[in-house]
Amino acid sequence: MNALILNGSPRKNGNTSHALRAIADGLARNHAVETLNVYDFKFLPCRNCDACRRNGGNCIQADDTVRIINKITNADLVVFGSPVYWWGISAQLKDVVDKFYSREGESAPTLRTKKKIGIVAVGAETTDDPEYKLISDQFRCIASFLGWEVVLDEAISAAAVDDLAKDAARLAALTETAAKL
């Protein structure tokens, strides 16, 4: 199985990155894993111009949409990781998700394939805060619409930049959970 991890955090060494590295370590025991830091790519917001509908599902803007959406299309498992920004995912990851629209046309390679997904939301609030449920519900709606199966849904509370890096037990648990996927 090919696993793709999308890190929606602009911090290269923040809590989201630490969580996703632990998950990648677990997945790598049984799967080929590729991690992409979304902030390293250029995404322009969807303009709803519908040119992708006439262009084989490819956005016509001069950005990295086609490259990343193709990777998502070809992956068997996609883990979406993001810090919590104002009760939602980061703008970087949201731009990627918005570009799923490009693959809904009749001539487009579809995202509606049997796929498993993981959700990782890292925020400063305790995990009973509604922000985590909002993010989970958004991805669960997307998964339902596309026929994907949610196999991982992690809400992580980590306020200081290095909180998760100091939590060896939590990182080990993430690795072990991912190894079972």
Protein backbone atom coordinates (compact mmCIF):
# COMPACT_ATOMS: atom_id res chain seq x y z
CA MET A 1 0.00 0.00 0.00
CA ASN A 2 1.20 3.51 -0.85
CA ALA A 3 0.76 5.99 1.99
CA LEU A 4 0.90 9.75 1.53
CA ILE A 5 1.19 12.10 4.49
CA LEU A 6 0.28 15.74 3.96
CA ASN A 7 1.69 18.05 6.61
CA GLY A 8 -0.38 21.22 6.64
CA SER A 9 1.78 22.96 9.22
CA PRO A 10 4.16 25.77 8.23
CA ARG A 11 6.41 24.81 11.17
CA LYS A 12 9.02 22.29 10.10
CA ASN A 13 9.65 21.17 13.67
CA GLY A 14 6.36 21.86 15.40
CA ASN A 15 3.92 19.53 17.10
CA THR A 16 2.08 18.55 13.91
CA SER A 17 5.37 17.62 12.25
CA HIS A 18 6.39 15.49 15.24
CA ALA A 19 3.05 13.68 15.22
CA LEU A 20 3.24 13.01 11.49
CA ARG A 21 6.83 11.75 11.72
CA ALA A 22 5.74 9.26 14.39
CA ILE A 23 2.88 8.13 12.15
CA ALA A 24 5.23 7.85 9.17
CA ASP A 25 7.56 5.65 11.24
CA GLY A 26 4.68 3.31 12.05
CA LEU A 27 3.35 3.20 8.50
CA ALA A 28 6.84 2.55 7.10
CA ARG A 29 6.87 -0.83 8.84
CA ASN A 30 4.36 -2.15 6.30
CA HIS A 31 3.91 0.45 3.56
CA ALA A 32 5.75 2.77 1.20
CA VAL A 33 5.43 6.24 2.74
CA GLU A 34 5.87 9.70 1.26
CA THR A 35 5.52 12.83 3.37
CA LEU A 36 4.87 16.20 1.76
CA ASN A 37 5.08 19.48 3.58
CA VAL A 38 2.29 21.41 1.95
CA TYR A 39 3.95 24.74 2.79
CA ASP A 40 6.79 23.81 0.40
CA PHE A 41 4.37 23.93 -2.53
CA LYS A 42 2.53 26.76 -4.22
CA PHE A 43 -1.26 26.56 -4.17
CA LEU A 44 -3.47 29.28 -5.50
CA PRO A 45 -7.04 29.32 -4.20
CA CYS A 46 -9.67 27.73 -6.40
CA ARG A 47 -11.35 30.42 -8.52
CA ASN A 48 -14.31 28.25 -9.50
CA CYS A 49 -13.53 29.01 -13.13
CA ASP A 50 -14.38 25.40 -14.08
CA ALA A 51 -11.44 25.25 -16.50
CA CYS A 52 -10.42 22.01 -14.75
CA ARG A 53 -13.71 20.50 -15.90
CA ARG A 54 -12.66 21.09 -19.49
CA ASN A 55 -9.01 20.21 -18.91
CA GLY A 56 -9.06 16.57 -17.80
CA GLY A 57 -9.33 17.50 -14.12
CA ASN A 58 -6.22 19.64 -14.12
CA CYS A 59 -6.26 23.11 -12.62
CA ILE A 60 -4.97 25.67 -15.11
CA GLN A 61 -3.41 27.96 -12.52
CA ALA A 62 0.38 28.05 -12.42
CA ASP A 63 0.79 26.21 -9.13
CA ASP A 64 1.47 22.71 -7.78
CA THR A 65 -2.16 21.54 -7.75
CA VAL A 66 -1.87 18.88 -10.45
CA ARG A 67 1.27 17.36 -8.92
CA ILE A 68 -0.21 17.05 -5.43
CA ILE A 69 -3.72 16.01 -6.49
CA ASN A 70 -2.18 13.27 -8.66
CA LYS A 71 -0.26 12.00 -5.63
CA ILE A 72 -3.48 11.96 -3.59
CA THR A 73 -5.32 10.21 -6.43
CA ASN A 74 -2.66 7.50 -6.63
CA ALA A 75 -2.26 6.91 -2.88
CA ASP A 76 -4.04 4.09 -1.08
CA LEU A 77 -3.85 5.87 2.27
CA VAL A 78 -3.67 9.63 2.82
CA VAL A 79 -3.02 11.18 6.22
CA PHE A 80 -4.03 14.82 6.51
CA GLY A 81 -2.24 16.60 9.35
CA SER A 82 -2.81 20.16 10.45
CA PRO A 83 -2.45 22.49 13.36
CA VAL A 84 -5.75 23.94 14.50
CA TYR A 85 -6.14 27.50 13.21
CA TRP A 86 -9.32 29.25 14.25
CA TRP A 87 -11.35 26.05 14.69
CA GLY A 88 -10.19 24.62 11.37
CA ILE A 89 -7.27 23.35 9.36
CA SER A 90 -4.41 25.53 8.13
CA ALA A 91 -4.92 27.64 5.02
CA GLN A 92 -2.20 25.64 3.28
CA LEU A 93 -4.03 22.34 3.74
CA LYS A 94 -7.42 23.91 3.01
CA ASP A 95 -6.12 25.07 -0.38
CA VAL A 96 -5.21 21.47 -1.19
CA VAL A 97 -8.62 20.17 -0.11
CA ASP A 98 -10.42 22.87 -2.11
CA LYS A 99 -8.62 21.70 -5.23
CA PHE A 100 -10.32 18.29 -4.92
CA TYR A 101 -13.01 20.04 -6.94
CA SER A 102 -10.76 19.71 -10.00
CA ARG A 103 -11.29 15.94 -10.00
CA GLU A 104 -15.07 15.95 -10.05
CA GLY A 105 -15.52 16.43 -13.81
CA GLU A 106 -16.52 13.62 -16.15
CA SER A 107 -13.16 13.53 -17.95
CA ALA A 108 -11.06 13.78 -14.77
CA PRO A 109 -9.21 10.98 -13.02
CA THR A 110 -11.47 10.62 -10.01
CA LEU A 111 -10.70 10.85 -6.33
CA ARG A 112 -13.67 8.53 -5.83
CA THR A 113 -11.58 5.41 -5.45
CA LYS A 114 -11.26 3.02 -2.57
CA LYS A 115 -8.97 4.93 -0.27
CA LYS A 116 -8.23 5.10 3.43
CA ILE A 117 -7.57 8.37 5.20
CA GLY A 118 -6.22 9.60 8.47
CA ILE A 119 -6.91 12.87 10.24
CA VAL A 120 -4.44 14.48 12.66
CA ALA A 121 -5.39 17.78 14.29
CA VAL A 122 -2.99 19.38 16.75
CA GLY A 123 -4.11 22.32 18.85
CA ALA A 124 -3.44 24.15 22.07
CA GLU A 125 -6.83 23.38 23.61
CA THR A 126 -7.73 20.16 25.39
CA THR A 127 -9.07 17.47 23.09
CA ASP A 128 -12.64 17.90 24.33
CA ASP A 129 -12.72 21.35 22.67
CA PRO A 130 -15.15 21.54 19.69
CA GLU A 131 -12.40 22.55 17.24
CA TYR A 132 -11.18 18.97 16.93
CA LYS A 133 -14.67 17.66 16.24
CA LEU A 134 -15.19 20.35 13.58
CA ILE A 135 -12.05 19.23 11.75
CA SER A 136 -12.91 15.55 12.13
CA ASP A 137 -16.45 16.13 10.90
CA GLN A 138 -15.22 18.07 7.87
CA PHE A 139 -12.91 15.25 6.80
CA ARG A 140 -15.52 12.61 7.57
CA CYS A 141 -17.97 14.45 5.28
CA ILE A 142 -15.34 14.59 2.54
CA ALA A 143 -14.59 10.89 3.04
CA SER A 144 -18.26 9.98 2.89
CA PHE A 145 -18.75 12.01 -0.29
CA LEU A 146 -15.73 10.42 -1.99
CA GLY A 147 -16.29 6.88 -0.67
CA TRP A 148 -13.16 6.92 1.48
CA GLU A 149 -12.73 5.10 4.78
CA VAL A 150 -11.46 6.99 7.84
CA VAL A 151 -8.98 4.70 9.60
CA LEU A 152 -7.20 7.20 11.83
CA ASP A 153 -8.60 10.22 13.65
CA GLU A 154 -6.24 11.79 16.17
CA ALA A 155 -6.89 14.92 18.20
CA ILE A 156 -3.74 16.05 19.96
CA SER A 157 -3.40 18.79 22.56
CA ALA A 158 0.03 20.41 22.47
CA ALA A 159 0.30 24.12 23.23
CA ALA A 160 4.02 24.94 23.29
CA VAL A 161 6.01 24.40 20.10
CA ASP A 162 7.92 21.45 21.57
CA ASP A 163 5.22 19.84 23.75
CA LEU A 164 4.82 16.77 21.59
CA ALA A 165 8.56 16.35 21.08
CA LYS A 166 8.84 15.94 24.87
CA ASP A 167 6.01 13.38 25.02
CA ALA A 168 7.77 10.13 24.11
CA ALA A 169 4.81 8.02 25.23
CA ARG A 170 2.34 9.86 22.96
CA LEU A 171 4.73 9.66 19.99
CA ALA A 172 5.26 5.93 20.59
CA ALA A 173 1.49 5.42 20.76
CA LEU A 174 1.06 7.24 17.43
CA THR A 175 3.75 5.06 15.85
CA GLU A 176 2.14 1.86 17.13
CA THR A 177 -1.33 2.94 16.00
CA ALA A 178 -0.02 3.70 12.51
CA ALA A 179 1.86 0.39 12.34
CA LYS A 180 -1.49 -1.41 12.65
CA LEU A 181 -3.00 0.29 9.61
